[in-house]
Amino acid sequence: MFADEFSVQEQQKLVKFISENKTLIISDILKGRASFSAEWMLVILKLKDSDLKWTLKPINYVLNYFGNGEVCITDRGSIKIGKITLQRKGGDGGRKTAQMLQFKINPCLLLD
């Protein structure tokens, strides 16, 4: 289901839950936990043979950059958590993995 297919009351509960757990959710998807948690994010963009842009940012900067902003349901039924899009995976021909969630960011935004 898409989030806009829920009742208004269910949408409000979902947005409230995500808002209350926003810091933990963002940290889990971008940083991870335990001994292998990330401390830096490296982004490299290579457009042509000679054009190369890159940046190395501390993970706390990245968490703030992508996570700051409202939690809301988009017109297409996805959920936005700041600059992070949360949506159902789908597109797996009915396999069990189509029931999973996926989180999307555009790491190139860190290059600006």
PDB file of N, CA and C in Angstrom:
ATOM      1  N   MET A   1       0.832  -1.190   0.000  1.00  0.00           N
ATOM      2  CA  MET A   1       0.000   0.000   0.000  1.00  0.00           C
ATOM      3  C   MET A   1       0.874   1.251   0.000  1.00  0.00           C
ATOM      4  N   PHE A   2       0.360   2.278  -0.567  1.00  0.00           N
ATOM      5  CA  PHE A   2       0.986   3.586  -0.462  1.00  0.00           C
ATOM      6  C   PHE A   2       0.409   4.280   0.762  1.00  0.00           C
ATOM      7  N   ALA A   3       1.137   5.212   1.333  1.00  0.00           N
ATOM      8  CA  ALA A   3       0.691   5.895   2.547  1.00  0.00           C
ATOM      9  C   ALA A   3      -0.602   6.673   2.324  1.00  0.00           C
ATOM     10  N   ASP A   4      -0.824   7.182   1.106  1.00  0.00           N
ATOM     11  CA  ASP A   4      -2.054   7.930   0.860  1.00  0.00           C
ATOM     12  C   ASP A   4      -3.279   7.015   0.704  1.00  0.00           C
ATOM     13  N   GLU A   5      -3.074   5.705   0.735  1.00  0.00           N
ATOM     14  CA  GLU A   5      -4.181   4.755   0.699  1.00  0.00           C
ATOM     15  C   GLU A   5      -4.693   4.445   2.104  1.00  0.00           C
ATOM     16  N   PHE A   6      -3.989   4.889   3.140  1.00  0.00           N
ATOM     17  CA  PHE A   6      -4.428   4.712   4.521  1.00  0.00           C
ATOM     18  C   PHE A   6      -5.522   5.721   4.825  1.00  0.00           C
ATOM     19  N   SER A   7      -6.304   5.450   5.862  1.00  0.00           N
ATOM     20  CA  SER A   7      -7.286   6.436   6.319  1.00  0.00           C
ATOM     21  C   SER A   7      -6.531   7.642   6.878  1.00  0.00           C
ATOM     22  N   VAL A   8      -7.215   8.749   7.014  1.00  0.00           N
ATOM     23  CA  VAL A   8      -6.587   9.964   7.537  1.00  0.00           C
ATOM     24  C   VAL A   8      -6.054   9.709   8.942  1.00  0.00           C
ATOM     25  N   GLN A   9      -6.795   8.972   9.752  1.00  0.00           N
ATOM     26  CA  GLN A   9      -6.358   8.660  11.115  1.00  0.00           C
ATOM     27  C   GLN A   9      -5.095   7.800  11.091  1.00  0.00           C
ATOM     28  N   GLU A  10      -5.039   6.804  10.208  1.00  0.00           N
ATOM     29  CA  GLU A  10      -3.849   5.960  10.090  1.00  0.00           C
ATOM     30  C   GLU A  10      -2.652   6.758   9.600  1.00  0.00           C
ATOM     31  N   GLN A  11      -2.876   7.680   8.667  1.00  0.00           N
ATOM     32  CA  GLN A  11      -1.794   8.536   8.175  1.00  0.00           C
ATOM     33  C   GLN A  11      -1.231   9.389   9.306  1.00  0.00           C
ATOM     34  N   GLN A  12      -2.114   9.933  10.122  1.00  0.00           N
ATOM     35  CA  GLN A  12      -1.672  10.763  11.241  1.00  0.00           C
ATOM     36  C   GLN A  12      -0.856   9.948  12.236  1.00  0.00           C
ATOM     37  N   LYS A  13      -1.296   8.723  12.518  1.00  0.00           N
ATOM     38  CA  LYS A  13      -0.554   7.850  13.436  1.00  0.00           C
ATOM     39  C   LYS A  13       0.823   7.504  12.867  1.00  0.00           C
ATOM     40  N   LEU A  14       0.871   7.226  11.558  1.00  0.00           N
ATOM     41  CA  LEU A  14       2.131   6.881  10.906  1.00  0.00           C
ATOM     42  C   LEU A  14       3.107   8.052  10.944  1.00  0.00           C
ATOM     43  N   VAL A  15       2.641   9.222  10.584  1.00  0.00           N
ATOM     44  CA  VAL A  15       3.494  10.417  10.599  1.00  0.00           C
ATOM     45  C   VAL A  15       3.959  10.724  12.023  1.00  0.00           C
ATOM     46  N   LYS A  16       3.075  10.560  12.996  1.00  0.00           N
ATOM     47  CA  LYS A  16       3.440  10.796  14.397  1.00  0.00           C
ATOM     48  C   LYS A  16       4.525   9.812  14.836  1.00  0.00           C
ATOM     49  N   PHE A  17       4.352   8.525  14.511  1.00  0.00           N
ATOM     50  CA  PHE A  17       5.335   7.508  14.882  1.00  0.00           C
ATOM     51  C   PHE A  17       6.697   7.819  14.274  1.00  0.00           C
ATOM     52  N   ILE A  18       6.710   8.139  12.986  1.00  0.00           N
ATOM     53  CA  ILE A  18       7.982   8.435  12.315  1.00  0.00           C
ATOM     54  C   ILE A  18       8.611   9.701  12.884  1.00  0.00           C
ATOM     55  N   SER A  19       7.801  10.709  13.155  1.00  0.00           N
ATOM     56  CA  SER A  19       8.321  11.958  13.733  1.00  0.00           C
ATOM     57  C   SER A  19       8.949  11.719  15.101  1.00  0.00           C
ATOM     58  N   GLU A  20       8.292  10.890  15.925  1.00  0.00           N
ATOM     59  CA  GLU A  20       8.810  10.614  17.267  1.00  0.00           C
ATOM     60  C   GLU A  20      10.094   9.787  17.228  1.00  0.00           C
ATOM     61  N   ASN A  21      10.275   8.988  16.180  1.00  0.00           N
ATOM     62  CA  ASN A  21      11.442   8.105  16.066  1.00  0.00           C
ATOM     63  C   ASN A  21      12.394   8.533  14.950  1.00  0.00           C
ATOM     64  N   LYS A  22      12.245   9.750  14.496  1.00  0.00           N
ATOM     65  CA  LYS A  22      12.988  10.266  13.345  1.00  0.00           C
ATOM     66  C   LYS A  22      14.501  10.166  13.521  1.00  0.00           C
ATOM     67  N   THR A  23      15.013  10.572  14.652  1.00  0.00           N
ATOM     68  CA  THR A  23      16.457  10.555  14.878  1.00  0.00           C
ATOM     69  C   THR A  23      17.009   9.143  14.780  1.00  0.00           C
ATOM     70  N   LEU A  24      16.355   8.188  15.414  1.00  0.00           N
ATOM     71  CA  LEU A  24      16.803   6.793  15.384  1.00  0.00           C
ATOM     72  C   LEU A  24      16.707   6.213  13.973  1.00  0.00           C
ATOM     73  N   ILE A  25      15.627   6.512  13.262  1.00  0.00           N
ATOM     74  CA  ILE A  25      15.448   6.000  11.899  1.00  0.00           C
ATOM     75  C   ILE A  25      16.553   6.524  10.990  1.00  0.00           C
ATOM     76  N   ILE A  26      16.786   7.818  11.025  1.00  0.00           N
ATOM     77  CA  ILE A  26      17.799   8.436  10.165  1.00  0.00           C
ATOM     78  C   ILE A  26      19.190   7.907  10.507  1.00  0.00           C
ATOM     79  N   SER A  27      19.466   7.785  11.776  1.00  0.00           N
ATOM     80  CA  SER A  27      20.762   7.263  12.191  1.00  0.00           C
ATOM     81  C   SER A  27      20.952   5.818  11.728  1.00  0.00           C
ATOM     82  N   ASP A  28      19.923   5.006  11.849  1.00  0.00           N
ATOM     83  CA  ASP A  28      20.023   3.612  11.422  1.00  0.00           C
ATOM     84  C   ASP A  28      20.263   3.476   9.923  1.00  0.00           C
ATOM     85  N   ILE A  29      19.581   4.273   9.107  1.00  0.00           N
ATOM     86  CA  ILE A  29      19.720   4.090   7.661  1.00  0.00           C
ATOM     87  C   ILE A  29      20.987   4.722   7.096  1.00  0.00           C
ATOM     88  N   LEU A  30      21.478   5.779   7.720  1.00  0.00           N
ATOM     89  CA  LEU A  30      22.660   6.447   7.176  1.00  0.00           C
ATOM     90  C   LEU A  30      23.963   6.087   7.897  1.00  0.00           C
ATOM     91  N   LYS A  31      23.878   5.833   9.178  1.00  0.00           N
ATOM     92  CA  LYS A  31      25.078   5.599   9.975  1.00  0.00           C
ATOM     93  C   LYS A  31      25.257   4.131  10.346  1.00  0.00           C
ATOM     94  N   GLY A  32      24.150   3.480  10.718  1.00  0.00           N
ATOM     95  CA  GLY A  32      24.242   2.106  11.202  1.00  0.00           C
ATOM     96  C   GLY A  32      24.494   2.087  12.695  1.00  0.00           C
ATOM     97  N   ARG A  33      24.714   0.876  13.215  1.00  0.00           N
ATOM     98  CA  ARG A  33      24.924   0.720  14.658  1.00  0.00           C
ATOM     99  C   ARG A  33      26.156  -0.131  14.934  1.00  0.00           C
ATOM    100  N   ALA A  34      26.581  -0.090  16.163  1.00  0.00           N
ATOM    101  CA  ALA A  34      27.646  -0.942  16.702  1.00  0.00           C
ATOM    102  C   ALA A  34      29.012  -0.576  16.134  1.00  0.00           C
ATOM    103  N   SER A  35      29.904  -1.531  16.105  1.00  0.00           N
ATOM    104  CA  SER A  35      31.302  -1.255  15.781  1.00  0.00           C
ATOM    105  C   SER A  35      31.531  -0.880  14.320  1.00  0.00           C
ATOM    106  N   PHE A  36      30.609  -1.209  13.448  1.00  0.00           N
ATOM    107  CA  PHE A  36      30.788  -0.880  12.026  1.00  0.00           C
ATOM    108  C   PHE A  36      29.998   0.343  11.587  1.00  0.00           C
ATOM    109  N   SER A  37      29.555   1.152  12.535  1.00  0.00           N
ATOM    110  CA  SER A  37      28.797   2.344  12.164  1.00  0.00           C
ATOM    111  C   SER A  37      29.712   3.349  11.468  1.00  0.00           C
ATOM    112  N   ALA A  38      29.147   4.039  10.504  1.00  0.00           N
ATOM    113  CA  ALA A  38      29.927   4.991   9.701  1.00  0.00           C
ATOM    114  C   ALA A  38      30.232   6.252  10.490  1.00  0.00           C
ATOM    115  N   GLU A  39      31.406   6.807  10.258  1.00  0.00           N
ATOM    116  CA  GLU A  39      31.772   8.083  10.859  1.00  0.00           C
ATOM    117  C   GLU A  39      31.914   9.179   9.800  1.00  0.00           C
ATOM    118  N   TRP A  40      32.003   8.768   8.530  1.00  0.00           N
ATOM    119  CA  TRP A  40      32.172   9.697   7.416  1.00  0.00           C
ATOM    120  C   TRP A  40      31.336   9.217   6.236  1.00  0.00           C
ATOM    121  N   MET A  41      31.001  10.128   5.323  1.00  0.00           N
ATOM    122  CA  MET A  41      30.373   9.752   4.055  1.00  0.00           C
ATOM    123  C   MET A  41      31.185  10.364   2.924  1.00  0.00           C
ATOM    124  N   LEU A  42      31.613   9.515   2.012  1.00  0.00           N
ATOM    125  CA  LEU A  42      32.360   9.937   0.837  1.00  0.00           C
ATOM    126  C   LEU A  42      31.434   9.878  -0.364  1.00  0.00           C
ATOM    127  N   VAL A  43      31.354  10.977  -1.116  1.00  0.00           N
ATOM    128  CA  VAL A  43      30.552  11.045  -2.335  1.00  0.00           C
ATOM    129  C   VAL A  43      31.483  11.438  -3.469  1.00  0.00           C
ATOM    130  N   ILE A  44      31.460  10.640  -4.532  1.00  0.00           N
ATOM    131  CA  ILE A  44      32.269  10.916  -5.721  1.00  0.00           C
ATOM    132  C   ILE A  44      31.351  10.956  -6.924  1.00  0.00           C
ATOM    133  N   LEU A  45      31.470  12.006  -7.727  1.00  0.00           N
ATOM    134  CA  LEU A  45      30.675  12.150  -8.948  1.00  0.00           C
ATOM    135  C   LEU A  45      31.627  12.297 -10.117  1.00  0.00           C
ATOM    136  N   LYS A  46      31.555  11.353 -11.037  1.00  0.00           N
ATOM    137  CA  LYS A  46      32.389  11.403 -12.233  1.00  0.00           C
ATOM    138  C   LYS A  46      31.455  11.463 -13.431  1.00  0.00           C
ATOM    139  N   LEU A  47      31.428  12.620 -14.093  1.00  0.00           N
ATOM    140  CA  LEU A  47      30.528  12.822 -15.224  1.00  0.00           C
ATOM    141  C   LEU A  47      31.188  12.476 -16.554  1.00  0.00           C
ATOM    142  N   LYS A  48      32.408  12.899 -16.730  1.00  0.00           N
ATOM    143  CA  LYS A  48      33.161  12.633 -17.949  1.00  0.00           C
ATOM    144  C   LYS A  48      34.525  12.099 -17.558  1.00  0.00           C
ATOM    145  N   ASP A  49      35.337  11.790 -18.532  1.00  0.00           N
ATOM    146  CA  ASP A  49      36.647  11.217 -18.232  1.00  0.00           C
ATOM    147  C   ASP A  49      37.497  12.099 -17.326  1.00  0.00           C
ATOM    148  N   SER A  50      37.410  13.412 -17.498  1.00  0.00           N
ATOM    149  CA  SER A  50      38.285  14.292 -16.722  1.00  0.00           C
ATOM    150  C   SER A  50      37.552  15.023 -15.591  1.00  0.00           C
ATOM    151  N   ASP A  51      36.231  15.050 -15.626  1.00  0.00           N
ATOM    152  CA  ASP A  51      35.470  15.777 -14.606  1.00  0.00           C
ATOM    153  C   ASP A  51      35.214  14.887 -13.402  1.00  0.00           C
ATOM    154  N   LEU A  52      35.690  15.328 -12.252  1.00  0.00           N
ATOM    155  CA  LEU A  52      35.510  14.564 -11.027  1.00  0.00           C
ATOM    156  C   LEU A  52      35.246  15.541  -9.890  1.00  0.00           C
ATOM    157  N   LYS A  53      34.145  15.306  -9.173  1.00  0.00           N
ATOM    158  CA  LYS A  53      33.846  16.082  -7.969  1.00  0.00           C
ATOM    159  C   LYS A  53      33.747  15.097  -6.817  1.00  0.00           C
ATOM    160  N   TRP A  54      34.202  15.517  -5.647  1.00  0.00           N
ATOM    161  CA  TRP A  54      34.085  14.646  -4.493  1.00  0.00           C
ATOM    162  C   TRP A  54      33.998  15.471  -3.229  1.00  0.00           C
ATOM    163  N   THR A  55      33.466  14.853  -2.199  1.00  0.00           N
ATOM    164  CA  THR A  55      33.423  15.470  -0.884  1.00  0.00           C
ATOM    165  C   THR A  55      33.451  14.379   0.171  1.00  0.00           C
ATOM    166  N   LEU A  56      34.013  14.699   1.294  1.00  0.00           N
ATOM    167  CA  LEU A  56      34.059  13.804   2.448  1.00  0.00           C
ATOM    168  C   LEU A  56      33.469  14.575   3.616  1.00  0.00           C
ATOM    169  N   LYS A  57      32.337  14.087   4.139  1.00  0.00           N
ATOM    170  CA  LYS A  57      31.636  14.808   5.207  1.00  0.00           C
ATOM    171  C   LYS A  57      31.539  13.937   6.466  1.00  0.00           C
ATOM    172  N   PRO A  58      31.635  14.550   7.632  1.00  0.00           N
ATOM    173  CA  PRO A  58      31.409  13.801   8.868  1.00  0.00           C
ATOM    174  C   PRO A  58      29.959  13.321   8.927  1.00  0.00           C
ATOM    175  N   ILE A  59      29.733  12.158   9.500  1.00  0.00           N
ATOM    176  CA  ILE A  59      28.400  11.563   9.482  1.00  0.00           C
ATOM    177  C   ILE A  59      27.367  12.421  10.213  1.00  0.00           C
ATOM    178  N   ASN A  60      27.769  13.151  11.248  1.00  0.00           N
ATOM    179  CA  ASN A  60      26.797  14.006  11.939  1.00  0.00           C
ATOM    180  C   ASN A  60      26.302  15.132  11.041  1.00  0.00           C
ATOM    181  N   TYR A  61      27.181  15.666  10.208  1.00  0.00           N
ATOM    182  CA  TYR A  61      26.760  16.663   9.227  1.00  0.00           C
ATOM    183  C   TYR A  61      25.746  16.049   8.263  1.00  0.00           C
ATOM    184  N   VAL A  62      26.041  14.840   7.792  1.00  0.00           N
ATOM    185  CA  VAL A  62      25.167  14.136   6.839  1.00  0.00           C
ATOM    186  C   VAL A  62      23.798  13.854   7.465  1.00  0.00           C
ATOM    187  N   LEU A  63      23.790  13.385   8.707  1.00  0.00           N
ATOM    188  CA  LEU A  63      22.525  13.106   9.401  1.00  0.00           C
ATOM    189  C   LEU A  63      21.679  14.369   9.504  1.00  0.00           C
ATOM    190  N   ASN A  64      22.305  15.478   9.879  1.00  0.00           N
ATOM    191  CA  ASN A  64      21.570  16.747   9.975  1.00  0.00           C
ATOM    192  C   ASN A  64      21.106  17.234   8.615  1.00  0.00           C
ATOM    193  N   TYR A  65      21.969  17.118   7.613  1.00  0.00           N
ATOM    194  CA  TYR A  65      21.646  17.612   6.282  1.00  0.00           C
ATOM    195  C   TYR A  65      20.429  16.892   5.699  1.00  0.00           C
ATOM    196  N   PHE A  66      20.456  15.571   5.721  1.00  0.00           N
ATOM    197  CA  PHE A  66      19.364  14.811   5.123  1.00  0.00           C
ATOM    198  C   PHE A  66      18.149  14.692   6.034  1.00  0.00           C
ATOM    199  N   GLY A  67      18.345  14.763   7.340  1.00  0.00           N
ATOM    200  CA  GLY A  67      17.237  14.534   8.261  1.00  0.00           C
ATOM    201  C   GLY A  67      16.458  15.751   8.683  1.00  0.00           C
ATOM    202  N   ASN A  68      17.045  16.946   8.534  1.00  0.00           N
ATOM    203  CA  ASN A  68      16.318  18.147   8.935  1.00  0.00           C
ATOM    204  C   ASN A  68      15.157  18.411   7.995  1.00  0.00           C
ATOM    205  N   GLY A  69      14.021  18.657   8.572  1.00  0.00           N
ATOM    206  CA  GLY A  69      12.815  18.926   7.795  1.00  0.00           C
ATOM    207  C   GLY A  69      11.641  18.143   8.349  1.00  0.00           C
ATOM    208  N   GLU A  70      10.510  18.378   7.762  1.00  0.00           N
ATOM    209  CA  GLU A  70       9.267  17.765   8.226  1.00  0.00           C
ATOM    210  C   GLU A  70       9.148  16.312   7.799  1.00  0.00           C
ATOM    211  N   VAL A  71       8.297  15.598   8.502  1.00  0.00           N
ATOM    212  CA  VAL A  71       7.845  14.274   8.079  1.00  0.00           C
ATOM    213  C   VAL A  71       6.470  14.489   7.466  1.00  0.00           C
ATOM    214  N   CYS A  72       6.312  14.094   6.207  1.00  0.00           N
ATOM    215  CA  CYS A  72       5.032  14.303   5.534  1.00  0.00           C
ATOM    216  C   CYS A  72       4.799  13.217   4.485  1.00  0.00           C
ATOM    217  N   ILE A  73       3.554  13.096   4.073  1.00  0.00           N
ATOM    218  CA  ILE A  73       3.170  12.162   3.016  1.00  0.00           C
ATOM    219  C   ILE A  73       3.081  12.943   1.715  1.00  0.00           C
ATOM    220  N   THR A  74       3.756  12.449   0.691  1.00  0.00           N
ATOM    221  CA  THR A  74       3.785  13.150  -0.598  1.00  0.00           C
ATOM    222  C   THR A  74       2.508  12.871  -1.392  1.00  0.00           C
ATOM    223  N   ASP A  75       2.356  13.598  -2.485  1.00  0.00           N
ATOM    224  CA  ASP A  75       1.201  13.404  -3.372  1.00  0.00           C
ATOM    225  C   ASP A  75       1.180  12.019  -3.993  1.00  0.00           C
ATOM    226  N   ARG A  76       2.344  11.375  -4.091  1.00  0.00           N
ATOM    227  CA  ARG A  76       2.447  10.053  -4.711  1.00  0.00           C
ATOM    228  C   ARG A  76       2.371   8.917  -3.692  1.00  0.00           C
ATOM    229  N   GLY A  77       2.142   9.244  -2.423  1.00  0.00           N
ATOM    230  CA  GLY A  77       1.956   8.228  -1.402  1.00  0.00           C
ATOM    231  C   GLY A  77       3.214   7.773  -0.699  1.00  0.00           C
ATOM    232  N   SER A  78       4.340   8.415  -0.974  1.00  0.00           N
ATOM    233  CA  SER A  78       5.574   8.116  -0.260  1.00  0.00           C
ATOM    234  C   SER A  78       5.650   8.998   0.982  1.00  0.00           C
ATOM    235  N   ILE A  79       6.633   8.760   1.799  1.00  0.00           N
ATOM    236  CA  ILE A  79       6.821   9.555   3.009  1.00  0.00           C
ATOM    237  C   ILE A  79       8.166  10.261   2.909  1.00  0.00           C
ATOM    238  N   LYS A  80       8.177  11.542   3.202  1.00  0.00           N
ATOM    239  CA  LYS A  80       9.417  12.320   3.220  1.00  0.00           C
ATOM    240  C   LYS A  80       9.821  12.548   4.670  1.00  0.00           C
ATOM    241  N   ILE A  81      11.078  12.249   4.956  1.00  0.00           N
ATOM    242  CA  ILE A  81      11.675  12.551   6.256  1.00  0.00           C
ATOM    243  C   ILE A  81      12.818  13.505   5.943  1.00  0.00           C
ATOM    244  N   GLY A  82      12.558  14.791   6.008  1.00  0.00           N
ATOM    245  CA  GLY A  82      13.556  15.768   5.568  1.00  0.00           C
ATOM    246  C   GLY A  82      13.811  15.582   4.084  1.00  0.00           C
ATOM    247  N   LYS A  83      15.065  15.274   3.719  1.00  0.00           N
ATOM    248  CA  LYS A  83      15.422  15.061   2.312  1.00  0.00           C
ATOM    249  C   LYS A  83      15.476  13.568   1.959  1.00  0.00           C
ATOM    250  N   ILE A  84      14.942  12.716   2.831  1.00  0.00           N
ATOM    251  CA  ILE A  84      14.940  11.269   2.622  1.00  0.00           C
ATOM    252  C   ILE A  84      13.536  10.837   2.214  1.00  0.00           C
ATOM    253  N   THR A  85      13.453  10.027   1.170  1.00  0.00           N
ATOM    254  CA  THR A  85      12.167   9.488   0.740  1.00  0.00           C
ATOM    255  C   THR A  85      12.057   8.046   1.201  1.00  0.00           C
ATOM    256  N   LEU A  86      10.947   7.736   1.840  1.00  0.00           N
ATOM    257  CA  LEU A  86      10.641   6.391   2.296  1.00  0.00           C
ATOM    258  C   LEU A  86       9.473   5.901   1.460  1.00  0.00           C
ATOM    259  N   GLN A  87       9.644   4.745   0.808  1.00  0.00           N
ATOM    260  CA  GLN A  87       8.557   4.222  -0.022  1.00  0.00           C
ATOM    261  C   GLN A  87       8.581   2.710  -0.018  1.00  0.00           C
ATOM    262  N   ARG A  88       7.462   2.136  -0.437  1.00  0.00           N
ATOM    263  CA  ARG A  88       7.423   0.681  -0.542  1.00  0.00           C
ATOM    264  C   ARG A  88       8.286   0.275  -1.718  1.00  0.00           C
ATOM    265  N   LYS A  89       8.910  -0.881  -1.614  1.00  0.00           N
ATOM    266  CA  LYS A  89       9.850  -1.310  -2.640  1.00  0.00           C
ATOM    267  C   LYS A  89       9.120  -1.648  -3.944  1.00  0.00           C
ATOM    268  N   GLY A  90       8.253  -2.643  -3.922  1.00  0.00           N
ATOM    269  CA  GLY A  90       7.486  -2.999  -5.115  1.00  0.00           C
ATOM    270  C   GLY A  90       8.361  -3.420  -6.277  1.00  0.00           C
ATOM    271  N   GLY A  91       7.733  -3.715  -7.397  1.00  0.00           N
ATOM    272  CA  GLY A  91       8.456  -4.012  -8.626  1.00  0.00           C
ATOM    273  C   GLY A  91       9.227  -5.309  -8.638  1.00  0.00           C
ATOM    274  N   ASP A  92       8.905  -6.231  -7.753  1.00  0.00           N
ATOM    275  CA  ASP A  92       9.628  -7.500  -7.682  1.00  0.00           C
ATOM    276  C   ASP A  92       8.794  -8.676  -8.177  1.00  0.00           C
ATOM    277  N   GLY A  93       7.795  -8.421  -8.988  1.00  0.00           N
ATOM    278  CA  GLY A  93       6.992  -9.498  -9.542  1.00  0.00           C
ATOM    279  C   GLY A  93       6.258 -10.318  -8.494  1.00  0.00           C
ATOM    280  N   GLY A  94       5.854  -9.683  -7.404  1.00  0.00           N
ATOM    281  CA  GLY A  94       5.101 -10.365  -6.370  1.00  0.00           C
ATOM    282  C   GLY A  94       5.933 -11.121  -5.351  1.00  0.00           C
ATOM    283  N   ARG A  95       7.251 -11.076  -5.472  1.00  0.00           N
ATOM    284  CA  ARG A  95       8.100 -11.756  -4.483  1.00  0.00           C
ATOM    285  C   ARG A  95       7.982 -11.078  -3.117  1.00  0.00           C
ATOM    286  N   LYS A  96       8.392 -11.775  -2.089  1.00  0.00           N
ATOM    287  CA  LYS A  96       8.312 -11.282  -0.716  1.00  0.00           C
ATOM    288  C   LYS A  96       9.064  -9.949  -0.538  1.00  0.00           C
ATOM    289  N   THR A  97      10.137  -9.758  -1.300  1.00  0.00           N
ATOM    290  CA  THR A  97      10.922  -8.525  -1.167  1.00  0.00           C
ATOM    291  C   THR A  97      10.126  -7.294  -1.593  1.00  0.00           C
ATOM    292  N   ALA A  98       9.051  -7.479  -2.354  1.00  0.00           N
ATOM    293  CA  ALA A  98       8.227  -6.335  -2.764  1.00  0.00           C
ATOM    294  C   ALA A  98       7.481  -5.732  -1.580  1.00  0.00           C
ATOM    295  N   GLN A  99       7.481  -6.400  -0.448  1.00  0.00           N
ATOM    296  CA  GLN A  99       6.798  -5.900   0.748  1.00  0.00           C
ATOM    297  C   GLN A  99       7.726  -5.084   1.638  1.00  0.00           C
ATOM    298  N   MET A 100       8.961  -4.932   1.231  1.00  0.00           N
ATOM    299  CA  MET A 100       9.941  -4.193   2.027  1.00  0.00           C
ATOM    300  C   MET A 100       9.831  -2.689   1.769  1.00  0.00           C
ATOM    301  N   LEU A 101      10.502  -1.934   2.606  1.00  0.00           N
ATOM    302  CA  LEU A 101      10.596  -0.488   2.431  1.00  0.00           C
ATOM    303  C   LEU A 101      11.963  -0.143   1.866  1.00  0.00           C
ATOM    304  N   GLN A 102      12.034   0.969   1.159  1.00  0.00           N
ATOM    305  CA  GLN A 102      13.332   1.469   0.727  1.00  0.00           C
ATOM    306  C   GLN A 102      13.427   2.955   1.059  1.00  0.00           C
ATOM    307  N   PHE A 103      14.636   3.358   1.421  1.00  0.00           N
ATOM    308  CA  PHE A 103      14.921   4.742   1.753  1.00  0.00           C
ATOM    309  C   PHE A 103      15.815   5.285   0.655  1.00  0.00           C
ATOM    310  N   LYS A 104      15.480   6.463   0.136  1.00  0.00           N
ATOM    311  CA  LYS A 104      16.255   7.038  -0.965  1.00  0.00           C
ATOM    312  C   LYS A 104      16.778   8.415  -0.582  1.00  0.00           C
ATOM    313  N   ILE A 105      18.047   8.632  -0.921  1.00  0.00           N
ATOM    314  CA  ILE A 105      18.653   9.954  -0.784  1.00  0.00           C
ATOM    315  C   ILE A 105      19.369  10.255  -2.104  1.00  0.00           C
ATOM    316  N   ASN A 106      19.664  11.516  -2.298  1.00  0.00           N
ATOM    317  CA  ASN A 106      20.497  11.921  -3.419  1.00  0.00           C
ATOM    318  C   ASN A 106      21.816  12.409  -2.830  1.00  0.00           C
ATOM    319  N   PRO A 107      22.834  11.545  -2.764  1.00  0.00           N
ATOM    320  CA  PRO A 107      24.101  11.930  -2.132  1.00  0.00           C
ATOM    321  C   PRO A 107      24.791  13.084  -2.832  1.00  0.00           C
ATOM    322  N   CYS A 108      24.483  13.325  -4.098  1.00  0.00           N
ATOM    323  CA  CYS A 108      25.121  14.430  -4.828  1.00  0.00           C
ATOM    324  C   CYS A 108      24.742  15.789  -4.250  1.00  0.00           C
ATOM    325  N   LEU A 109      23.673  15.847  -3.468  1.00  0.00           N
ATOM    326  CA  LEU A 109      23.320  17.101  -2.818  1.00  0.00           C
ATOM    327  C   LEU A 109      24.421  17.575  -1.880  1.00  0.00           C
ATOM    328  N   LEU A 110      25.217  16.658  -1.376  1.00  0.00           N
ATOM    329  CA  LEU A 110      26.324  17.022  -0.486  1.00  0.00           C
ATOM    330  C   LEU A 110      27.460  17.711  -1.216  1.00  0.00           C
ATOM    331  N   LEU A 111      27.485  17.655  -2.533  1.00  0.00           N
ATOM    332  CA  LEU A 111      28.557  18.259  -3.314  1.00  0.00           C
ATOM    333  C   LEU A 111      28.457  19.777  -3.407  1.00  0.00           C
ATOM    334  N   ASP A 112      27.302  20.330  -3.118  1.00  0.00           N
ATOM    335  CA  ASP A 112      27.118  21.783  -3.249  1.00  0.00           C
ATOM    336  C   ASP A 112      27.776  22.543  -2.133  1.00  0.00           C
TER     337      ASP A 112
END
